[in-house]
Amino acid sequence: MSITSSSVATPRAVLIGLALAITVNLFSLAGSYHVGYRNLTFGHIDFGLLIPFLIGVLGPNILLKFIRPSWGLRYPELLFVFCLGWIGFTVPAWGLLNYLVNIMVEVHYYVSPENQWRALFFPYLPDWVVISDGAGAVTGYYQGIRDAIPIRWGAWVIIATSTSAAASRRRSTAPRTCEASSVPTTTRQEAISA
């Protein structure tokens, strides 16, 4: 039996994989912010993905195979579901939450007279990259906010929009590569003229 891309990425495998990715991302957020466990996505096989996959996908799939074998996912589909969940979980949970969001808020939260960040770094930081703590958005992010105080969405939306626009602009203006090599054209021309 040959395995084609249409037999692996079936509509049910895509739907189950996306549901798994969404579920484990919500599980990671709950574990990170409510329980305080921030290492669910850290490791070679992420337990934040492995446990929901075993309980929510593989377990029911084994039961379905016993009830009616045609209902269960085949091995290539299971692998696709796991990979889709893994990619959909690792990138947002580990990369986005641990790096991008912290970059936007750490500067104003950890500034102190001892580290002199205000004098050393603040003149070079554009306003559209970091969130200022004028509205209490940074302090609320790290320390939490009381129920009566609304979330300062304005500060977050402006930064997220401008960062996304800058990232998409950077991607569209990236130097083109030569067909013969993977070296960017500008670097290759500079090397030839030197």
Protein backbone atom coordinates (compact mmCIF):
# COMPACT_ATOMS: atom_id res chain seq x y z
CA MET A 1 0.00 0.00 0.00
CA SER A 2 1.49 3.33 -1.01
CA ILE A 3 1.00 6.35 1.21
CA THR A 4 0.11 9.58 -0.56
CA SER A 5 -0.35 13.03 0.90
CA SER A 6 -4.10 12.76 0.41
CA SER A 7 -4.19 9.55 2.47
CA VAL A 8 -2.22 11.17 5.31
CA ALA A 9 -3.75 14.64 5.52
CA THR A 10 -7.34 13.52 5.45
CA PRO A 11 -9.98 16.02 6.55
CA ARG A 12 -10.55 14.13 9.80
CA ALA A 13 -6.79 14.05 10.54
CA VAL A 14 -6.53 17.79 9.89
CA LEU A 15 -9.53 18.55 12.12
CA ILE A 16 -8.29 16.30 14.92
CA GLY A 17 -4.76 17.75 14.63
CA LEU A 18 -6.04 21.32 14.79
CA ALA A 19 -8.29 20.46 17.73
CA LEU A 20 -5.30 18.86 19.47
CA ALA A 21 -3.13 21.95 18.82
CA ILE A 22 -5.80 24.29 20.19
CA THR A 23 -6.44 22.08 23.20
CA VAL A 24 -2.79 21.74 24.16
CA ASN A 25 -2.21 25.48 23.71
CA LEU A 26 -5.06 26.21 26.11
CA PHE A 27 -3.70 23.53 28.45
CA SER A 28 -0.26 25.14 28.29
CA LEU A 29 -1.66 28.58 29.03
CA ALA A 30 -3.65 27.27 31.98
CA GLY A 31 -0.64 25.39 33.30
CA SER A 32 1.64 28.36 32.80
CA TYR A 33 -0.49 31.14 34.23
CA HIS A 34 -2.85 29.49 36.70
CA VAL A 35 -0.80 26.62 38.09
CA GLY A 36 2.61 28.25 37.63
CA TYR A 37 4.19 25.38 35.70
CA ARG A 38 6.00 27.00 32.76
CA ASN A 39 7.95 24.02 31.38
CA LEU A 40 5.16 22.09 29.67
CA THR A 41 6.65 22.87 26.27
CA PHE A 42 10.27 22.36 27.22
CA GLY A 43 11.81 19.07 26.23
CA HIS A 44 12.34 16.77 23.31
CA ILE A 45 8.85 15.28 23.58
CA ASP A 46 6.60 17.85 25.15
CA PHE A 47 4.48 16.40 27.94
CA GLY A 48 1.96 19.16 27.37
CA LEU A 49 1.34 17.52 23.98
CA LEU A 50 2.11 13.88 24.73
CA ILE A 51 -0.42 13.45 27.55
CA PRO A 52 -3.39 15.01 25.67
CA PHE A 53 -2.41 13.05 22.55
CA LEU A 54 -2.35 9.74 24.45
CA ILE A 55 -5.57 10.41 26.36
CA GLY A 56 -7.53 12.39 23.78
CA VAL A 57 -6.46 10.87 20.46
CA LEU A 58 -4.67 7.54 20.80
CA GLY A 59 -6.89 6.12 23.57
CA PRO A 60 -10.18 6.83 21.80
CA ASN A 61 -8.63 5.64 18.53
CA ILE A 62 -7.82 2.24 20.08
CA LEU A 63 -11.41 1.97 21.34
CA LEU A 64 -12.77 2.90 17.91
CA LYS A 65 -10.59 0.22 16.30
CA PHE A 66 -12.16 -2.37 18.62
CA ILE A 67 -15.71 -1.20 17.92
CA ARG A 68 -15.32 -0.72 14.19
CA PRO A 69 -11.85 -0.83 12.57
CA SER A 70 -12.77 1.49 9.70
CA TRP A 71 -13.60 4.33 12.14
CA GLY A 72 -10.15 4.54 13.68
CA LEU A 73 -7.26 6.61 12.36
CA ARG A 74 -4.56 4.77 10.45
CA TYR A 75 -0.90 5.00 11.46
CA PRO A 76 0.01 7.75 8.92
CA GLU A 77 -2.99 9.79 10.06
CA LEU A 78 -1.99 9.39 13.72
CA LEU A 79 1.52 10.54 12.88
CA PHE A 80 0.11 13.52 10.97
CA VAL A 81 -2.16 14.44 13.91
CA PHE A 82 0.78 14.23 16.32
CA CYS A 83 3.04 16.33 14.07
CA LEU A 84 0.33 18.93 13.47
CA GLY A 85 -0.31 19.15 17.20
CA TRP A 86 3.43 19.35 17.92
CA ILE A 87 4.05 22.19 15.47
CA GLY A 88 0.87 23.99 16.47
CA PHE A 89 1.84 23.67 20.12
CA THR A 90 5.58 24.29 20.22
CA VAL A 91 5.74 27.43 18.11
CA PRO A 92 3.01 29.46 19.86
CA ALA A 93 3.52 28.11 23.37
CA TRP A 94 7.31 28.06 23.59
CA GLY A 95 8.40 30.57 20.97
CA LEU A 96 5.65 33.15 21.15
CA LEU A 97 4.81 33.17 24.83
CA ASN A 98 8.33 32.81 26.17
CA TYR A 99 10.14 35.14 23.81
CA LEU A 100 8.02 37.64 21.93
CA VAL A 101 5.64 38.63 24.71
CA ASN A 102 8.44 38.87 27.25
CA ILE A 103 10.48 41.08 24.93
CA MET A 104 7.54 43.47 24.70
CA VAL A 105 7.05 43.80 28.46
CA GLU A 106 10.28 42.95 30.32
CA VAL A 107 12.04 46.20 29.59
CA HIS A 108 9.64 48.35 31.59
CA TYR A 109 9.04 45.81 34.33
CA TYR A 110 12.65 45.05 35.21
CA VAL A 111 14.04 48.58 34.84
CA SER A 112 15.78 49.81 37.98
CA PRO A 113 18.36 52.42 38.98
CA GLU A 114 20.87 49.61 39.50
CA ASN A 115 20.77 48.22 35.96
CA GLN A 116 20.52 51.69 34.33
CA TRP A 117 18.35 50.41 31.50
CA ARG A 118 16.47 53.70 31.28
CA ALA A 119 19.69 55.54 30.37
CA LEU A 120 21.35 52.75 28.36
CA PHE A 121 18.52 51.19 26.31
CA PHE A 122 15.40 53.32 26.38
CA PRO A 123 16.68 55.96 23.91
CA TYR A 124 17.09 53.17 21.33
CA LEU A 125 13.77 51.37 21.85
CA PRO A 126 10.99 52.37 19.46
CA ASP A 127 7.59 52.91 21.07
CA TRP A 128 5.99 50.38 18.73
CA VAL A 129 8.19 47.49 19.98
CA VAL A 130 7.73 47.61 23.76
CA ILE A 131 4.73 48.30 25.94
CA SER A 132 5.11 51.22 28.29
CA ASP A 133 3.69 50.83 31.77
CA GLY A 134 1.83 54.13 31.73
CA ALA A 135 -1.57 52.40 31.77
CA GLY A 136 -0.45 49.59 34.07
CA ALA A 137 -0.42 46.97 31.30
CA VAL A 138 3.06 45.64 32.14
CA THR A 139 2.49 45.53 35.89
CA GLY A 140 -0.85 43.84 35.29
CA TYR A 141 0.81 41.25 33.05
CA TYR A 142 3.32 40.20 35.73
CA GLN A 143 1.40 40.78 38.94
CA GLY A 144 -2.17 40.26 37.79
CA ILE A 145 -5.05 42.68 37.97
CA ARG A 146 -8.01 42.87 40.29
CA ASP A 147 -11.44 41.92 39.05
CA ALA A 148 -12.70 45.52 39.05
CA ILE A 149 -9.89 46.78 36.80
CA PRO A 150 -10.31 46.12 33.06
CA ILE A 151 -7.47 44.68 30.98
CA ARG A 152 -5.55 47.38 29.10
CA TRP A 153 -6.16 45.91 25.64
CA GLY A 154 -5.24 49.15 23.86
CA ALA A 155 -1.57 48.88 24.79
CA TRP A 156 -1.40 45.26 23.65
CA VAL A 157 -3.29 45.71 20.37
CA ILE A 158 -1.11 48.60 19.19
CA ILE A 159 2.13 46.73 19.91
CA ALA A 160 0.90 43.42 18.44
CA THR A 161 -0.37 45.13 15.27
CA SER A 162 2.78 47.15 14.70
CA THR A 163 5.07 44.19 15.42
CA SER A 164 3.10 41.98 13.02
CA ALA A 165 3.17 44.67 10.33
CA ALA A 166 6.93 45.11 10.76
CA ALA A 167 7.51 41.36 10.56
CA SER A 168 5.43 41.00 7.39
CA ARG A 169 7.15 44.02 5.83
CA ARG A 170 10.56 42.57 6.66
CA ARG A 171 9.60 39.28 5.04
CA SER A 172 8.44 41.00 1.85
CA THR A 173 11.60 43.14 1.57
CA ALA A 174 14.07 40.34 2.36
CA PRO A 175 16.94 40.08 -0.12
CA ARG A 176 16.36 37.66 -2.98
CA THR A 177 18.63 34.68 -3.34
CA CYS A 178 20.47 33.62 -6.47
CA GLU A 179 19.19 30.55 -8.23
CA ALA A 180 22.67 29.01 -8.26
CA SER A 181 23.29 29.39 -4.53
CA SER A 182 21.52 30.22 -1.32
CA VAL A 183 23.73 33.27 -0.64
CA PRO A 184 21.72 36.52 -0.75
CA THR A 185 22.32 38.51 -3.95
CA THR A 186 23.48 41.66 -2.15
CA THR A 187 26.09 39.76 -0.16
CA ARG A 188 27.32 37.95 -3.26
CA GLN A 189 27.67 41.19 -5.26
CA GLU A 190 29.54 42.85 -2.41
CA ALA A 191 31.89 39.86 -2.24
CA ILE A 192 32.56 40.02 -6.00
CA SER A 193 33.33 43.77 -5.98
CA ALA A 194 35.65 43.48 -2.97
